Each structure stands twice: as C-alpha cells, then as structure tokens.
Amino acid sequence: MVRVWKVTGEAMERLRREELRTLDSYKTIALLCGPADYTREPFAPKPTSGLVEQQRWFSKLRKKLGGFTESDKGEQPTVRNGR
C-alpha cells in the first residue's frame, strides 16, 4: 500500500510540474481577476521597481525632519528594544 502511494505521489508531482510549465500567466490572472488587457495601464507592470520614488519620499522626510548634520554621515542608526 505504501509503495502504491509513493508511485502515485511521484506521478502526481510530475503532472503538477508539467501543468506549471505550460501555465499561461495572463489567462490565469484573467480567471482570478476578470478579463482585462494586462499589457496596458492601469494593469500593466510598471517600467521601474519604485526605488526612485522611494528615494524621493526619503528625501522629503529628511527635509521635513531637518536633515542630517555632517557628524551624522556614515553612522548607522541605533536600534534599541526592537524599535
């Protein structure tokens, strides 16, 4: 009985891998989220990772908090009590 489950499990894993390899991502997303053109805005992936926007927000925050002094450059912030 254990041997049967082992053979069956291996066959099912091969089938799962084959299904994942042949999976059409756009069709799958359409099934989950409804039909849309995922090559155009607002559904299309953004052309950048968002790091430039993140740095822009950090710059605004730094200005709002008063910036850093020369003695702050190169120092790592201190973390206390997990905060």
N, C-alpha and C. Protein backbone atom coordinates (compact mmCIF):
# COMPACT_ATOMS: atom_id res chain seq x y z
N MET A 1 0.82 -1.19 0.00
CA MET A 1 0.00 0.00 0.00
C MET A 1 0.87 1.27 0.00
N VAL A 2 1.93 1.27 0.82
CA VAL A 2 2.82 2.43 0.87
C VAL A 2 3.49 2.64 -0.48
N ARG A 3 3.89 1.54 -1.13
CA ARG A 3 4.54 1.64 -2.45
C ARG A 3 3.60 2.28 -3.47
N VAL A 4 2.31 1.91 -3.41
CA VAL A 4 1.32 2.49 -4.34
C VAL A 4 1.24 4.00 -4.14
N TRP A 5 1.17 4.45 -2.89
CA TRP A 5 1.10 5.90 -2.62
C TRP A 5 2.37 6.60 -3.08
N LYS A 6 3.52 5.96 -2.90
CA LYS A 6 4.79 6.56 -3.32
C LYS A 6 4.81 6.75 -4.84
N VAL A 7 4.43 5.73 -5.58
CA VAL A 7 4.40 5.80 -7.05
C VAL A 7 3.36 6.83 -7.50
N THR A 8 2.20 6.81 -6.88
CA THR A 8 1.14 7.76 -7.23
C THR A 8 1.58 9.19 -6.93
N GLY A 9 2.22 9.39 -5.77
CA GLY A 9 2.70 10.72 -5.41
C GLY A 9 3.72 11.26 -6.41
N GLU A 10 4.63 10.41 -6.86
CA GLU A 10 5.63 10.82 -7.85
C GLU A 10 4.96 11.19 -9.17
N ALA A 11 3.97 10.39 -9.59
CA ALA A 11 3.25 10.68 -10.84
C ALA A 11 2.49 12.00 -10.72
N MET A 12 1.86 12.23 -9.57
CA MET A 12 1.13 13.49 -9.38
C MET A 12 2.08 14.69 -9.38
N GLU A 13 3.25 14.54 -8.81
CA GLU A 13 4.24 15.63 -8.79
C GLU A 13 4.71 15.94 -10.21
N ARG A 14 4.94 14.91 -11.03
CA ARG A 14 5.33 15.14 -12.43
C ARG A 14 4.22 15.90 -13.16
N LEU A 15 2.97 15.49 -12.93
CA LEU A 15 1.83 16.16 -13.56
C LEU A 15 1.74 17.62 -13.12
N ARG A 16 1.93 17.87 -11.82
CA ARG A 16 1.88 19.24 -11.30
C ARG A 16 2.96 20.11 -11.94
N ARG A 17 4.19 19.58 -12.04
CA ARG A 17 5.28 20.35 -12.66
C ARG A 17 4.99 20.65 -14.12
N GLU A 18 4.45 19.67 -14.85
CA GLU A 18 4.11 19.88 -16.26
C GLU A 18 3.03 20.95 -16.40
N GLU A 19 2.03 20.92 -15.54
CA GLU A 19 0.97 21.92 -15.59
C GLU A 19 1.53 23.31 -15.30
N LEU A 20 2.43 23.42 -14.35
CA LEU A 20 3.04 24.72 -14.03
C LEU A 20 3.90 25.23 -15.19
N ARG A 21 4.61 24.31 -15.87
CA ARG A 21 5.44 24.72 -17.01
C ARG A 21 4.61 25.26 -18.16
N THR A 22 3.44 24.68 -18.37
CA THR A 22 2.60 25.08 -19.51
C THR A 22 1.57 26.14 -19.14
N LEU A 23 1.60 26.60 -17.93
CA LEU A 23 0.62 27.57 -17.44
C LEU A 23 0.76 28.90 -18.18
N ASP A 24 -0.34 29.45 -18.62
CA ASP A 24 -0.37 30.78 -19.24
C ASP A 24 -0.74 31.79 -18.16
N SER A 25 0.23 32.60 -17.75
CA SER A 25 0.03 33.54 -16.63
C SER A 25 -1.11 34.51 -16.91
N TYR A 26 -1.18 35.03 -18.12
CA TYR A 26 -2.22 36.01 -18.44
C TYR A 26 -3.62 35.39 -18.34
N LYS A 27 -3.78 34.17 -18.82
CA LYS A 27 -5.08 33.51 -18.72
C LYS A 27 -5.43 33.22 -17.26
N THR A 28 -4.43 32.82 -16.48
CA THR A 28 -4.67 32.53 -15.07
C THR A 28 -5.10 33.78 -14.32
N ILE A 29 -4.42 34.89 -14.57
CA ILE A 29 -4.78 36.16 -13.92
C ILE A 29 -6.19 36.57 -14.33
N ALA A 30 -6.51 36.40 -15.61
CA ALA A 30 -7.85 36.76 -16.09
C ALA A 30 -8.91 35.91 -15.41
N LEU A 31 -8.62 34.63 -15.18
CA LEU A 31 -9.58 33.78 -14.47
C LEU A 31 -9.77 34.23 -13.03
N LEU A 32 -8.69 34.66 -12.40
CA LEU A 32 -8.77 35.07 -11.00
C LEU A 32 -9.35 36.48 -10.83
N CYS A 33 -8.97 37.40 -11.72
CA CYS A 33 -9.32 38.81 -11.54
C CYS A 33 -10.32 39.35 -12.55
N GLY A 34 -10.68 38.56 -13.52
CA GLY A 34 -11.59 39.04 -14.55
C GLY A 34 -10.80 39.47 -15.78
N PRO A 35 -11.47 39.56 -16.91
CA PRO A 35 -10.78 39.90 -18.15
C PRO A 35 -10.31 41.35 -18.13
N ALA A 36 -9.11 41.56 -18.63
CA ALA A 36 -8.54 42.90 -18.77
C ALA A 36 -7.33 42.80 -19.68
N ASP A 37 -6.92 43.93 -20.21
CA ASP A 37 -5.72 43.97 -21.05
C ASP A 37 -4.53 44.28 -20.14
N TYR A 38 -3.78 43.26 -19.78
CA TYR A 38 -2.68 43.41 -18.84
C TYR A 38 -1.41 43.94 -19.49
N THR A 39 -1.52 44.37 -20.75
CA THR A 39 -0.37 45.00 -21.41
C THR A 39 -0.50 46.52 -21.41
N ARG A 40 -1.62 47.03 -20.92
CA ARG A 40 -1.87 48.48 -20.90
C ARG A 40 -2.21 48.95 -19.48
N GLU A 41 -2.02 50.24 -19.25
CA GLU A 41 -2.35 50.84 -17.96
C GLU A 41 -3.83 50.65 -17.69
N PRO A 42 -4.28 50.51 -16.50
CA PRO A 42 -3.52 50.54 -15.24
C PRO A 42 -3.04 49.16 -14.81
N PHE A 43 -3.26 48.13 -15.64
CA PHE A 43 -2.91 46.77 -15.23
C PHE A 43 -1.48 46.37 -15.57
N ALA A 44 -0.87 47.04 -16.51
CA ALA A 44 0.48 46.66 -16.95
C ALA A 44 1.49 46.88 -15.83
N PRO A 45 2.53 46.05 -15.78
CA PRO A 45 3.57 46.26 -14.77
C PRO A 45 4.27 47.59 -14.98
N LYS A 46 4.69 48.20 -13.92
CA LYS A 46 5.40 49.48 -14.00
C LYS A 46 6.78 49.26 -14.62
N PRO A 47 7.29 50.23 -15.37
CA PRO A 47 8.59 50.06 -16.02
C PRO A 47 9.78 50.13 -15.04
N THR A 48 9.55 50.62 -13.82
CA THR A 48 10.64 50.69 -12.85
C THR A 48 10.24 49.94 -11.58
N SER A 49 11.21 49.75 -10.71
CA SER A 49 10.96 48.99 -9.48
C SER A 49 10.37 49.84 -8.37
N GLY A 50 10.39 51.16 -8.51
CA GLY A 50 9.87 52.03 -7.47
C GLY A 50 10.94 52.59 -6.55
N LEU A 51 12.20 52.20 -6.77
CA LEU A 51 13.27 52.68 -5.89
C LEU A 51 13.49 54.19 -6.01
N VAL A 52 13.32 54.74 -7.21
CA VAL A 52 13.47 56.19 -7.38
C VAL A 52 12.41 56.92 -6.58
N GLU A 53 11.18 56.44 -6.66
CA GLU A 53 10.08 57.05 -5.89
C GLU A 53 10.34 56.92 -4.39
N GLN A 54 10.86 55.78 -3.96
CA GLN A 54 11.17 55.58 -2.54
C GLN A 54 12.23 56.59 -2.09
N GLN A 55 13.26 56.80 -2.88
CA GLN A 55 14.30 57.77 -2.52
C GLN A 55 13.73 59.19 -2.47
N ARG A 56 12.78 59.49 -3.35
CA ARG A 56 12.13 60.80 -3.34
C ARG A 56 11.39 61.00 -2.01
N TRP A 57 10.69 59.96 -1.53
CA TRP A 57 9.98 60.05 -0.25
C TRP A 57 10.97 60.20 0.90
N PHE A 58 12.07 59.46 0.86
CA PHE A 58 13.09 59.58 1.91
C PHE A 58 13.65 60.99 1.95
N SER A 59 13.88 61.57 0.78
CA SER A 59 14.41 62.94 0.71
C SER A 59 13.43 63.94 1.32
N LYS A 60 12.13 63.78 1.02
CA LYS A 60 11.12 64.66 1.60
C LYS A 60 11.09 64.53 3.11
N LEU A 61 11.17 63.30 3.60
CA LEU A 61 11.16 63.07 5.04
C LEU A 61 12.39 63.69 5.71
N ARG A 62 13.54 63.52 5.07
CA ARG A 62 14.77 64.09 5.62
C ARG A 62 14.65 65.61 5.73
N LYS A 63 14.10 66.25 4.71
CA LYS A 63 13.92 67.71 4.74
C LYS A 63 12.93 68.11 5.82
N LYS A 64 11.85 67.32 5.97
CA LYS A 64 10.83 67.62 6.97
C LYS A 64 11.39 67.49 8.39
N LEU A 65 12.27 66.51 8.59
CA LEU A 65 12.84 66.28 9.91
C LEU A 65 14.05 67.18 10.19
N GLY A 66 14.44 67.98 9.23
CA GLY A 66 15.55 68.91 9.46
C GLY A 66 16.87 68.45 8.89
N GLY A 67 16.87 67.35 8.16
CA GLY A 67 18.09 66.90 7.51
C GLY A 67 19.06 66.26 8.48
N PHE A 68 20.26 66.00 7.97
CA PHE A 68 21.31 65.39 8.76
C PHE A 68 22.46 66.37 8.89
N THR A 69 23.21 66.28 9.97
CA THR A 69 24.40 67.10 10.14
C THR A 69 25.60 66.35 9.58
N GLU A 70 26.71 67.02 9.45
CA GLU A 70 27.93 66.39 8.94
C GLU A 70 28.35 65.22 9.83
N SER A 71 28.12 65.33 11.14
CA SER A 71 28.53 64.25 12.04
C SER A 71 27.65 63.01 11.89
N ASP A 72 26.45 63.15 11.27
CA ASP A 72 25.55 62.01 11.07
C ASP A 72 25.96 61.14 9.89
N LYS A 73 26.72 61.70 8.95
CA LYS A 73 27.05 60.96 7.73
C LYS A 73 27.89 59.74 8.06
N GLY A 74 27.53 58.63 7.48
CA GLY A 74 28.29 57.40 7.63
C GLY A 74 27.99 56.63 8.90
N GLU A 75 27.21 57.17 9.80
CA GLU A 75 26.88 56.45 11.03
C GLU A 75 25.61 55.65 10.82
N GLN A 76 25.56 54.51 11.45
CA GLN A 76 24.37 53.66 11.40
C GLN A 76 23.43 54.06 12.53
N PRO A 77 22.12 54.08 12.29
CA PRO A 77 21.19 54.40 13.37
C PRO A 77 21.23 53.34 14.47
N THR A 78 21.00 53.75 15.67
CA THR A 78 21.00 52.83 16.80
C THR A 78 19.60 52.26 16.97
N VAL A 79 19.51 50.95 17.14
CA VAL A 79 18.23 50.29 17.36
C VAL A 79 18.20 49.82 18.80
N ARG A 80 17.18 50.24 19.52
CA ARG A 80 17.05 49.85 20.92
C ARG A 80 15.69 49.20 21.15
N ASN A 81 15.68 48.15 21.93
CA ASN A 81 14.43 47.46 22.31
C ASN A 81 13.59 47.08 21.12
N GLY A 82 14.22 46.67 20.03
CA GLY A 82 13.49 46.21 18.85
C GLY A 82 12.77 47.30 18.08
N ARG A 83 13.06 48.55 18.39
CA ARG A 83 12.39 49.65 17.66
C ARG A 83 13.36 50.39 16.80
